[in-house]
Amino acid sequence: MPRATRTLLSIAAVLALSAAMPMFAAEGGDGAPAKTHTLFDMILAGGPVEYILIVLSVISYSMALQYTFTLKRETLVPEGIVDEIHQAFADGVTDESLETARNAVAGDTSMLGNIVAAALDKKDFGYEAMREAAEQIGAAEHNKYMSKVGWLSLFASTATLGGLLGTVTGIIGAFLAMGNSTPDPAKLSLSIGEALVCTATGLIIAIGTLMFYFFLRNRVNACALDAAALSNEVLDYFRPSHK
């Protein structure tokens, strides 16, 4: 945890104790119970920063779950494509078998389908052109999916900084409340609650979103490696030595 964050949290804790002492004294003086606040009250007192963090949590976790169920290996690297190409080239590469292979990847928008389709389109230019096309499209496909997953890392960083911003604004409100001649313990506790609730919300978003980010990043990297290996199996049919 950064030193600035630790310092702000320490100040918030000290202010919390300062707010608690007047409330305890008021309860002992007239016997009336001190006003208490629930966690929901603290969230409502979080202000605009807390509301933004709540919206950010819905967006980040919805996106993370969507990518978890859509960016799967069977979706990005369907092995049925390569099996069909192996069957088409079982008796050698001919114009008819090449057309069958192209039909197998036609309309397939998966990572592997786009790579194989780009390589087959360069068949008339030779093996090296096919290999370069496969590498270029493979890098583009990898970057395309990593850019989607990268949003989760951005949301995690934004949530952390947003929580820190809520901590700062809450502590500022607490100091303003203490600056009055007769500080209101209720307002002081709400300001401190704003600081701590915003910090907790930001950390909850950041921790969960980062876990999804690293999980999905590793999945995309693994799919990119598998797609490269399977596309090389297709390119082997067009190697000069293979002929």
Protein backbone atom coordinates (compact mmCIF):
# COMPACT_ATOMS: atom_id res chain seq x y z
CA MET A 1 0.00 0.00 0.00
CA PRO A 2 1.45 3.42 -0.90
CA ARG A 3 2.72 5.57 1.97
CA ALA A 4 0.23 8.34 1.14
CA THR A 5 -2.68 5.93 1.43
CA ARG A 6 -1.43 4.60 4.78
CA THR A 7 -1.08 8.15 6.06
CA LEU A 8 -4.62 9.08 5.03
CA LEU A 9 -6.07 5.96 6.61
CA SER A 10 -4.18 6.68 9.83
CA ILE A 11 -5.63 10.19 9.89
CA ALA A 12 -9.10 8.76 9.28
CA ALA A 13 -8.67 6.35 12.19
CA VAL A 14 -7.59 9.17 14.51
CA LEU A 15 -10.55 11.26 13.44
CA ALA A 16 -12.86 8.29 14.04
CA LEU A 17 -11.65 8.06 17.63
CA SER A 18 -12.06 11.81 18.02
CA ALA A 19 -15.62 11.57 16.80
CA ALA A 20 -16.42 8.66 19.09
CA MET A 21 -15.33 10.42 22.28
CA PRO A 22 -17.90 13.26 22.11
CA MET A 23 -20.67 10.77 21.34
CA PHE A 24 -19.77 8.62 24.33
CA ALA A 25 -19.68 11.73 26.51
CA ALA A 26 -23.09 12.85 25.28
CA GLU A 27 -24.55 9.45 26.06
CA GLY A 28 -23.19 9.47 29.58
CA GLY A 29 -24.37 13.04 30.28
CA ASP A 30 -28.12 12.90 29.70
CA GLY A 31 -28.60 9.17 29.35
CA ALA A 32 -29.96 9.46 25.80
CA PRO A 33 -28.51 6.94 23.38
CA ALA A 34 -26.14 8.39 20.80
CA LYS A 35 -27.26 8.39 17.21
CA THR A 36 -25.79 5.51 15.27
CA HIS A 37 -25.29 5.13 11.52
CA THR A 38 -25.60 1.99 9.45
CA LEU A 39 -23.33 0.96 6.59
CA PHE A 40 -26.05 2.03 4.16
CA ASP A 41 -25.98 5.52 5.71
CA MET A 42 -22.24 5.64 5.18
CA ILE A 43 -22.65 4.62 1.53
CA LEU A 44 -25.25 7.32 0.99
CA ALA A 45 -22.92 9.82 2.64
CA GLY A 46 -20.13 8.78 0.29
CA GLY A 47 -21.25 11.37 -2.18
CA PRO A 48 -20.48 11.51 -5.90
CA VAL A 49 -17.24 9.55 -5.59
CA GLU A 50 -18.99 6.58 -4.00
CA TYR A 51 -21.77 6.67 -6.59
CA ILE A 52 -19.23 6.66 -9.40
CA LEU A 53 -17.42 3.73 -7.80
CA ILE A 54 -20.68 1.78 -7.56
CA VAL A 55 -21.36 2.34 -11.26
CA LEU A 56 -17.76 1.38 -12.04
CA SER A 57 -18.14 -1.85 -10.06
CA VAL A 58 -21.22 -2.84 -12.07
CA ILE A 59 -19.45 -2.13 -15.36
CA SER A 60 -16.15 -3.82 -14.46
CA TYR A 61 -17.64 -7.00 -13.01
CA SER A 62 -20.22 -7.29 -15.81
CA MET A 63 -17.46 -6.99 -18.40
CA ALA A 64 -15.28 -9.47 -16.51
CA LEU A 65 -18.06 -12.07 -16.39
CA GLN A 66 -18.90 -11.51 -20.04
CA TYR A 67 -15.30 -12.09 -21.11
CA THR A 68 -15.04 -15.13 -18.86
CA PHE A 69 -17.90 -16.84 -20.71
CA THR A 70 -17.09 -15.59 -24.23
CA LEU A 71 -13.28 -15.59 -24.47
CA LYS A 72 -12.97 -19.35 -24.19
CA ARG A 73 -10.56 -21.68 -25.96
CA GLU A 74 -13.27 -23.47 -27.90
CA THR A 75 -14.44 -20.08 -29.15
CA LEU A 76 -11.06 -18.57 -30.02
CA VAL A 77 -9.33 -21.76 -31.18
CA PRO A 78 -11.90 -24.26 -32.53
CA GLU A 79 -9.93 -27.38 -33.35
CA GLY A 80 -12.61 -28.55 -35.81
CA ILE A 81 -11.18 -26.15 -38.40
CA VAL A 82 -7.78 -27.80 -38.47
CA ASP A 83 -9.35 -31.27 -38.51
CA GLU A 84 -11.30 -30.37 -41.64
CA ILE A 85 -8.16 -29.00 -43.29
CA HIS A 86 -6.23 -32.16 -42.42
CA GLN A 87 -8.96 -34.21 -44.06
CA ALA A 88 -8.96 -31.95 -47.12
CA PHE A 89 -5.17 -32.20 -47.56
CA ALA A 90 -4.96 -35.90 -46.71
CA ASP A 91 -4.22 -36.78 -50.37
CA GLY A 92 -2.11 -33.70 -51.04
CA VAL A 93 -2.61 -30.05 -51.82
CA THR A 94 -4.68 -29.62 -54.97
CA ASP A 95 -6.91 -26.85 -56.26
CA GLU A 96 -9.95 -28.78 -55.11
CA SER A 97 -8.57 -29.52 -51.62
CA LEU A 98 -7.44 -25.88 -51.30
CA GLU A 99 -10.95 -24.70 -52.12
CA THR A 100 -12.33 -27.11 -49.51
CA ALA A 101 -9.91 -25.71 -46.92
CA ARG A 102 -10.90 -22.16 -47.74
CA ASN A 103 -14.56 -23.04 -47.38
CA ALA A 104 -13.81 -24.54 -43.96
CA VAL A 105 -12.61 -21.17 -42.64
CA ALA A 106 -14.95 -18.98 -44.66
CA GLY A 107 -17.11 -16.91 -42.35
CA ASP A 108 -15.24 -18.11 -39.24
CA THR A 109 -14.33 -15.06 -37.15
CA SER A 110 -12.39 -16.89 -34.45
CA MET A 111 -8.73 -16.18 -33.80
CA LEU A 112 -7.61 -19.40 -35.48
CA GLY A 113 -10.06 -19.02 -38.36
CA ASN A 114 -8.78 -15.55 -39.25
CA ILE A 115 -5.16 -16.68 -39.11
CA VAL A 116 -5.67 -19.73 -41.32
CA ALA A 117 -7.84 -17.79 -43.77
CA ALA A 118 -5.16 -15.09 -44.14
CA ALA A 119 -2.49 -17.73 -44.77
CA LEU A 120 -4.53 -19.59 -47.40
CA ASP A 121 -5.30 -16.36 -49.23
CA LYS A 122 -1.55 -15.92 -49.83
CA LYS A 123 -1.08 -19.39 -51.31
CA ASP A 124 -0.28 -18.06 -54.78
CA PHE A 125 2.62 -15.99 -53.37
CA GLY A 126 4.46 -18.92 -51.81
CA TYR A 127 5.16 -20.34 -48.39
CA GLU A 128 7.02 -17.32 -46.99
CA ALA A 129 4.15 -14.99 -47.85
CA MET A 130 1.71 -17.39 -46.18
CA ARG A 131 3.85 -17.56 -43.05
CA GLU A 132 4.19 -13.77 -42.83
CA ALA A 133 0.44 -13.31 -43.28
CA ALA A 134 -0.25 -15.83 -40.52
CA GLU A 135 2.17 -14.07 -38.16
CA GLN A 136 0.76 -10.62 -38.87
CA ILE A 137 -2.87 -11.66 -38.42
CA GLY A 138 -1.92 -13.69 -35.34
CA ALA A 139 -0.34 -10.62 -33.73
CA ALA A 140 -3.35 -8.49 -34.69
CA GLU A 141 -5.78 -11.04 -33.22
CA HIS A 142 -3.78 -11.27 -30.01
CA ASN A 143 -3.71 -7.48 -29.66
CA LYS A 144 -7.45 -7.29 -30.38
CA TYR A 145 -8.39 -9.58 -27.53
CA MET A 146 -5.77 -8.21 -25.17
CA SER A 147 -7.14 -4.71 -25.72
CA LYS A 148 -10.53 -5.96 -24.54
CA VAL A 149 -9.09 -7.59 -21.44
CA GLY A 150 -6.93 -4.51 -20.82
CA TRP A 151 -10.02 -2.51 -19.89
CA LEU A 152 -10.21 -4.53 -16.67
CA SER A 153 -6.74 -3.37 -15.68
CA LEU A 154 -7.77 0.23 -16.37
CA PHE A 155 -10.91 -0.16 -14.24
CA ALA A 156 -8.87 -1.63 -11.38
CA SER A 157 -6.45 1.30 -11.41
CA THR A 158 -9.30 3.79 -11.69
CA ALA A 159 -11.13 2.20 -8.75
CA THR A 160 -8.02 2.39 -6.58
CA LEU A 161 -7.49 6.07 -7.35
CA GLY A 162 -11.23 6.77 -6.99
CA GLY A 163 -11.21 5.20 -3.53
CA LEU A 164 -8.22 7.34 -2.60
CA LEU A 165 -10.06 10.42 -3.85
CA GLY A 166 -13.06 9.53 -1.67
CA THR A 167 -10.71 9.14 1.28
CA VAL A 168 -9.27 12.60 0.72
CA THR A 169 -12.66 14.29 0.32
CA GLY A 170 -13.99 12.53 3.40
CA ILE A 171 -11.06 13.62 5.54
CA ILE A 172 -11.42 17.18 4.24
CA GLY A 173 -15.09 17.10 5.30
CA ALA A 174 -14.07 15.78 8.72
CA PHE A 175 -11.58 18.62 9.23
CA LEU A 176 -14.21 21.16 8.19
CA ALA A 177 -16.64 19.67 10.71
CA MET A 178 -14.00 19.79 13.46
CA GLY A 179 -13.25 23.40 12.59
CA ASN A 180 -16.65 24.54 13.82
CA SER A 181 -16.93 26.02 17.30
CA THR A 182 -19.31 23.22 18.29
CA PRO A 183 -18.54 20.27 15.99
CA ASP A 184 -21.43 17.89 15.31
CA PRO A 185 -20.28 14.32 16.05
CA ALA A 186 -22.85 12.94 13.59
CA LYS A 187 -21.51 14.98 10.70
CA LEU A 188 -17.97 14.18 11.70
CA SER A 189 -18.67 10.45 11.75
CA LEU A 190 -20.38 10.62 8.34
CA SER A 191 -17.35 12.38 6.84
CA ILE A 192 -15.03 9.72 8.24
CA GLY A 193 -17.43 7.05 7.05
CA GLU A 194 -17.29 8.55 3.56
CA ALA A 195 -13.50 8.26 3.60
CA LEU A 196 -13.43 4.64 4.74
CA VAL A 197 -16.38 3.43 2.63
CA CYS A 198 -14.92 4.91 -0.56
CA THR A 199 -11.57 3.30 0.21
CA ALA A 200 -13.20 -0.08 0.84
CA THR A 201 -15.31 0.14 -2.32
CA GLY A 202 -12.29 1.01 -4.45
CA LEU A 203 -10.30 -1.90 -3.03
CA ILE A 204 -13.15 -4.37 -3.56
CA ILE A 205 -13.39 -3.34 -7.20
CA ALA A 206 -9.64 -3.34 -7.76
CA ILE A 207 -8.92 -6.70 -6.12
CA GLY A 208 -11.67 -8.59 -7.93
CA THR A 209 -11.09 -6.94 -11.30
CA LEU A 210 -7.35 -7.57 -11.18
CA MET A 211 -7.96 -11.25 -10.51
CA PHE A 212 -10.21 -11.44 -13.56
CA TYR A 213 -7.67 -9.49 -15.62
CA PHE A 214 -4.74 -11.81 -14.95
CA PHE A 215 -6.94 -14.89 -15.42
CA LEU A 216 -8.24 -13.69 -18.80
CA ARG A 217 -4.85 -12.39 -19.91
CA ASN A 218 -3.31 -15.81 -19.37
CA ARG A 219 -6.21 -17.43 -21.24
CA VAL A 220 -5.77 -15.15 -24.26
CA ASN A 221 -2.01 -15.74 -24.29
CA ALA A 222 -2.53 -19.50 -24.16
CA CYS A 223 -5.07 -19.34 -26.99
CA ALA A 224 -2.67 -17.27 -29.10
CA LEU A 225 0.06 -19.88 -28.64
CA ASP A 226 -2.34 -22.70 -29.51
CA ALA A 227 -3.55 -20.84 -32.59
CA ALA A 228 0.04 -20.32 -33.75
CA ALA A 229 0.83 -24.01 -33.29
CA LEU A 230 -2.28 -25.17 -35.17
CA SER A 231 -1.75 -22.69 -38.00
CA ASN A 232 1.81 -24.02 -38.36
CA GLU A 233 0.33 -27.48 -38.88
CA VAL A 234 -1.61 -26.09 -41.83
CA LEU A 235 1.45 -24.27 -43.18
CA ASP A 236 3.45 -27.50 -43.08
CA TYR A 237 1.49 -28.68 -46.13
CA PHE A 238 2.95 -25.78 -48.11
CA ARG A 239 6.59 -26.03 -47.09
CA PRO A 240 8.90 -26.50 -50.06
CA SER A 241 10.51 -29.55 -48.43
CA HIS A 242 7.04 -31.06 -47.84
CA LYS A 243 6.38 -31.10 -51.56
